[in-house]
Amino acid sequence: MDYSKQYLDQIVSVRIDRPLGTKHPKWEFYYPVNYGYIPNTKAPDGEEIDAYVLGILSLLKNLLGNALLLSTAQMTMMTNWL
């Protein structure tokens, strides 16, 4: 998780690749929030760090905002920003 702590309480850019209400490309569920990633970062899975945008109920493409909360899934060793 140390790889992501540097972003906590920092202004980050989030690129939304799965907007609010869209269907997951592989599984049978819809995203209840805007979901994307922080460009030019790297998580242990080799992908960019995931980010969820909470409290904004409109479709987004990008967001510049303060990273307030960190959530780590122990099973996958993946960190998601909320």
N, C-alpha and C. Protein backbone atom coordinates (compact mmCIF):
# COMPACT_ATOMS: atom_id res chain seq x y z
N MET A 1 0.83 -1.20 0.00
CA MET A 1 0.00 0.00 0.00
C MET A 1 0.87 1.26 0.00
N ASP A 2 2.13 1.15 0.38
CA ASP A 2 2.98 2.33 0.45
C ASP A 2 3.08 3.07 -0.88
N TYR A 3 2.95 2.37 -2.00
CA TYR A 3 3.07 3.00 -3.31
C TYR A 3 2.01 4.06 -3.53
N SER A 4 0.90 4.00 -2.84
CA SER A 4 -0.20 4.93 -3.08
C SER A 4 -0.34 6.02 -2.02
N LYS A 5 0.31 5.87 -0.88
CA LYS A 5 0.16 6.85 0.21
C LYS A 5 0.61 8.25 -0.20
N GLN A 6 1.50 8.33 -1.16
CA GLN A 6 2.00 9.64 -1.58
C GLN A 6 0.89 10.51 -2.19
N TYR A 7 -0.21 9.89 -2.61
CA TYR A 7 -1.31 10.63 -3.23
C TYR A 7 -2.38 11.07 -2.23
N LEU A 8 -2.34 10.52 -1.01
CA LEU A 8 -3.34 10.85 0.00
C LEU A 8 -3.29 12.34 0.33
N ASP A 9 -4.46 12.97 0.30
CA ASP A 9 -4.63 14.40 0.57
C ASP A 9 -3.88 15.29 -0.43
N GLN A 10 -3.69 14.78 -1.63
CA GLN A 10 -3.06 15.54 -2.72
C GLN A 10 -4.08 15.76 -3.83
N ILE A 11 -3.88 16.78 -4.62
CA ILE A 11 -4.71 17.00 -5.80
C ILE A 11 -4.23 16.03 -6.88
N VAL A 12 -5.15 15.21 -7.39
CA VAL A 12 -4.82 14.22 -8.42
C VAL A 12 -5.77 14.37 -9.61
N SER A 13 -5.29 13.97 -10.75
CA SER A 13 -6.11 13.91 -11.95
C SER A 13 -6.62 12.49 -12.08
N VAL A 14 -7.92 12.34 -12.35
CA VAL A 14 -8.52 11.02 -12.53
C VAL A 14 -9.12 10.95 -13.92
N ARG A 15 -8.77 9.93 -14.66
CA ARG A 15 -9.36 9.69 -15.98
C ARG A 15 -10.45 8.63 -15.80
N ILE A 16 -11.68 8.99 -16.13
CA ILE A 16 -12.83 8.09 -15.96
C ILE A 16 -12.96 7.22 -17.21
N ASP A 17 -12.81 5.91 -17.04
CA ASP A 17 -13.00 5.02 -18.18
C ASP A 17 -14.26 4.16 -18.06
N ARG A 18 -14.92 4.25 -16.91
CA ARG A 18 -16.19 3.56 -16.69
C ARG A 18 -17.13 4.52 -15.96
N PRO A 19 -17.82 5.35 -16.71
CA PRO A 19 -18.69 6.37 -16.10
C PRO A 19 -19.87 5.77 -15.32
N LEU A 20 -20.38 6.56 -14.43
CA LEU A 20 -21.55 6.23 -13.63
C LEU A 20 -22.64 5.59 -14.49
N GLY A 21 -23.13 4.43 -14.07
CA GLY A 21 -24.24 3.76 -14.76
C GLY A 21 -23.86 2.88 -15.93
N THR A 22 -22.58 2.82 -16.28
CA THR A 22 -22.19 1.97 -17.40
C THR A 22 -21.98 0.53 -16.96
N LYS A 23 -22.13 -0.38 -17.89
CA LYS A 23 -21.98 -1.81 -17.62
C LYS A 23 -20.51 -2.20 -17.67
N HIS A 24 -20.12 -3.06 -16.74
CA HIS A 24 -18.76 -3.60 -16.73
C HIS A 24 -18.56 -4.37 -18.04
N PRO A 25 -17.39 -4.24 -18.67
CA PRO A 25 -17.18 -4.88 -19.96
C PRO A 25 -17.19 -6.41 -19.92
N LYS A 26 -16.94 -7.00 -18.75
CA LYS A 26 -16.86 -8.45 -18.66
C LYS A 26 -17.94 -9.07 -17.77
N TRP A 27 -18.27 -8.42 -16.67
CA TRP A 27 -19.18 -8.97 -15.69
C TRP A 27 -20.55 -8.31 -15.77
N GLU A 28 -21.54 -8.93 -15.18
CA GLU A 28 -22.93 -8.44 -15.25
C GLU A 28 -23.25 -7.48 -14.11
N PHE A 29 -22.60 -6.33 -14.08
CA PHE A 29 -22.99 -5.30 -13.12
C PHE A 29 -22.74 -3.93 -13.72
N TYR A 30 -23.40 -2.94 -13.15
CA TYR A 30 -23.29 -1.56 -13.60
C TYR A 30 -22.59 -0.74 -12.52
N TYR A 31 -21.79 0.20 -12.93
CA TYR A 31 -21.04 1.03 -11.99
C TYR A 31 -21.96 2.06 -11.33
N PRO A 32 -22.07 2.03 -10.00
CA PRO A 32 -22.91 2.99 -9.28
C PRO A 32 -22.21 4.33 -9.05
N VAL A 33 -20.93 4.42 -9.44
CA VAL A 33 -20.14 5.65 -9.32
C VAL A 33 -19.25 5.77 -10.55
N ASN A 34 -18.68 6.93 -10.76
CA ASN A 34 -17.68 7.10 -11.82
C ASN A 34 -16.40 6.39 -11.37
N TYR A 35 -15.84 5.59 -12.26
CA TYR A 35 -14.68 4.77 -11.93
C TYR A 35 -13.60 4.97 -12.99
N GLY A 36 -12.37 5.10 -12.55
CA GLY A 36 -11.28 5.26 -13.50
C GLY A 36 -9.95 5.01 -12.84
N TYR A 37 -8.97 5.83 -13.20
CA TYR A 37 -7.62 5.61 -12.71
C TYR A 37 -6.84 6.92 -12.67
N ILE A 38 -5.74 6.89 -11.94
CA ILE A 38 -4.86 8.05 -11.86
C ILE A 38 -3.76 7.82 -12.90
N PRO A 39 -3.75 8.62 -13.98
CA PRO A 39 -2.77 8.42 -15.05
C PRO A 39 -1.32 8.53 -14.55
N ASN A 40 -0.47 7.80 -15.22
CA ASN A 40 0.98 7.83 -14.95
C ASN A 40 1.35 7.37 -13.55
N THR A 41 0.56 6.44 -13.02
CA THR A 41 0.87 5.81 -11.74
C THR A 41 0.98 4.31 -12.00
N LYS A 42 1.44 3.57 -11.00
CA LYS A 42 1.55 2.12 -11.18
C LYS A 42 1.24 1.41 -9.87
N ALA A 43 0.27 0.52 -9.93
CA ALA A 43 -0.10 -0.32 -8.80
C ALA A 43 0.67 -1.64 -8.90
N PRO A 44 0.67 -2.46 -7.85
CA PRO A 44 1.39 -3.73 -7.89
C PRO A 44 0.94 -4.68 -9.00
N ASP A 45 -0.30 -4.51 -9.48
CA ASP A 45 -0.77 -5.38 -10.56
C ASP A 45 -0.28 -4.93 -11.94
N GLY A 46 0.53 -3.85 -11.96
CA GLY A 46 1.08 -3.35 -13.21
C GLY A 46 0.20 -2.33 -13.91
N GLU A 47 -1.02 -2.17 -13.44
CA GLU A 47 -1.95 -1.20 -14.01
C GLU A 47 -1.86 0.11 -13.22
N GLU A 48 -2.49 1.15 -13.76
CA GLU A 48 -2.53 2.42 -13.04
C GLU A 48 -3.44 2.30 -11.81
N ILE A 49 -3.24 3.16 -10.82
CA ILE A 49 -4.01 3.10 -9.58
C ILE A 49 -5.48 3.44 -9.85
N ASP A 50 -6.37 2.57 -9.40
CA ASP A 50 -7.82 2.74 -9.58
C ASP A 50 -8.33 3.90 -8.74
N ALA A 51 -9.41 4.52 -9.22
CA ALA A 51 -10.03 5.61 -8.48
C ALA A 51 -11.54 5.59 -8.65
N TYR A 52 -12.26 5.74 -7.56
CA TYR A 52 -13.71 5.89 -7.57
C TYR A 52 -14.02 7.34 -7.21
N VAL A 53 -14.93 7.95 -7.94
CA VAL A 53 -15.33 9.33 -7.66
C VAL A 53 -16.69 9.28 -6.98
N LEU A 54 -16.73 9.69 -5.73
CA LEU A 54 -17.97 9.64 -4.94
C LEU A 54 -18.60 11.02 -4.83
N GLY A 55 -19.92 11.07 -4.78
CA GLY A 55 -20.64 12.31 -4.52
C GLY A 55 -20.94 13.15 -5.74
N ILE A 56 -20.51 12.72 -6.91
CA ILE A 56 -20.85 13.43 -8.15
C ILE A 56 -21.73 12.50 -8.97
N LEU A 57 -22.98 12.91 -9.17
CA LEU A 57 -23.96 12.03 -9.81
C LEU A 57 -24.18 12.36 -11.28
N SER A 58 -23.16 12.89 -11.94
CA SER A 58 -23.24 13.12 -13.38
C SER A 58 -22.08 12.37 -14.04
N LEU A 59 -22.23 12.11 -15.33
CA LEU A 59 -21.18 11.39 -16.06
C LEU A 59 -19.94 12.26 -16.18
N LEU A 60 -18.79 11.67 -15.95
CA LEU A 60 -17.53 12.39 -16.02
C LEU A 60 -16.59 11.71 -17.01
N LYS A 61 -15.68 12.49 -17.57
CA LYS A 61 -14.59 11.95 -18.39
C LYS A 61 -13.26 12.09 -17.65
N ASN A 62 -13.13 13.20 -16.94
CA ASN A 62 -11.92 13.50 -16.18
C ASN A 62 -12.31 14.28 -14.93
N LEU A 63 -11.44 14.24 -13.94
CA LEU A 63 -11.68 14.99 -12.72
C LEU A 63 -10.34 15.38 -12.12
N LEU A 64 -10.26 16.59 -11.63
CA LEU A 64 -9.11 17.04 -10.85
C LEU A 64 -9.64 17.26 -9.45
N GLY A 65 -9.14 16.48 -8.48
CA GLY A 65 -9.69 16.58 -7.14
C GLY A 65 -8.73 16.10 -6.08
N ASN A 66 -9.15 16.23 -4.84
CA ASN A 66 -8.35 15.86 -3.68
C ASN A 66 -8.60 14.39 -3.33
N ALA A 67 -7.54 13.61 -3.25
CA ALA A 67 -7.63 12.20 -2.86
C ALA A 67 -7.82 12.13 -1.35
N LEU A 68 -9.02 11.75 -0.92
CA LEU A 68 -9.35 11.81 0.51
C LEU A 68 -9.33 10.48 1.23
N LEU A 69 -9.55 9.39 0.53
CA LEU A 69 -9.72 8.11 1.19
C LEU A 69 -9.02 7.02 0.41
N LEU A 70 -8.42 6.09 1.10
CA LEU A 70 -7.68 5.00 0.48
C LEU A 70 -8.31 3.69 0.91
N SER A 71 -8.58 2.81 -0.04
CA SER A 71 -9.16 1.51 0.25
C SER A 71 -8.30 0.44 -0.39
N THR A 72 -7.88 -0.55 0.39
CA THR A 72 -7.05 -1.62 -0.14
C THR A 72 -7.78 -2.95 -0.05
N ALA A 73 -7.84 -3.65 -1.18
CA ALA A 73 -8.44 -4.99 -1.20
C ALA A 73 -7.33 -5.99 -0.91
N GLN A 74 -7.41 -6.68 0.19
CA GLN A 74 -6.36 -7.60 0.61
C GLN A 74 -6.21 -8.80 -0.33
N MET A 75 -7.31 -9.25 -0.91
CA MET A 75 -7.25 -10.42 -1.77
C MET A 75 -6.42 -10.17 -3.02
N THR A 76 -6.50 -8.98 -3.57
CA THR A 76 -5.82 -8.71 -4.83
C THR A 76 -4.63 -7.78 -4.66
N MET A 77 -4.42 -7.29 -3.44
CA MET A 77 -3.36 -6.33 -3.18
C MET A 77 -3.51 -5.10 -4.08
N MET A 78 -4.73 -4.68 -4.27
CA MET A 78 -5.04 -3.55 -5.14
C MET A 78 -5.51 -2.39 -4.28
N THR A 79 -5.13 -1.19 -4.65
CA THR A 79 -5.56 0.00 -3.92
C THR A 79 -6.53 0.79 -4.79
N ASN A 80 -7.63 1.22 -4.20
CA ASN A 80 -8.60 2.04 -4.91
C ASN A 80 -8.77 3.35 -4.18
N TRP A 81 -8.81 4.44 -4.92
CA TRP A 81 -9.05 5.76 -4.33
C TRP A 81 -10.53 6.04 -4.34
N LEU A 82 -11.02 6.54 -3.23
CA LEU A 82 -12.44 6.91 -3.12
C LEU A 82 -12.54 8.39 -2.91
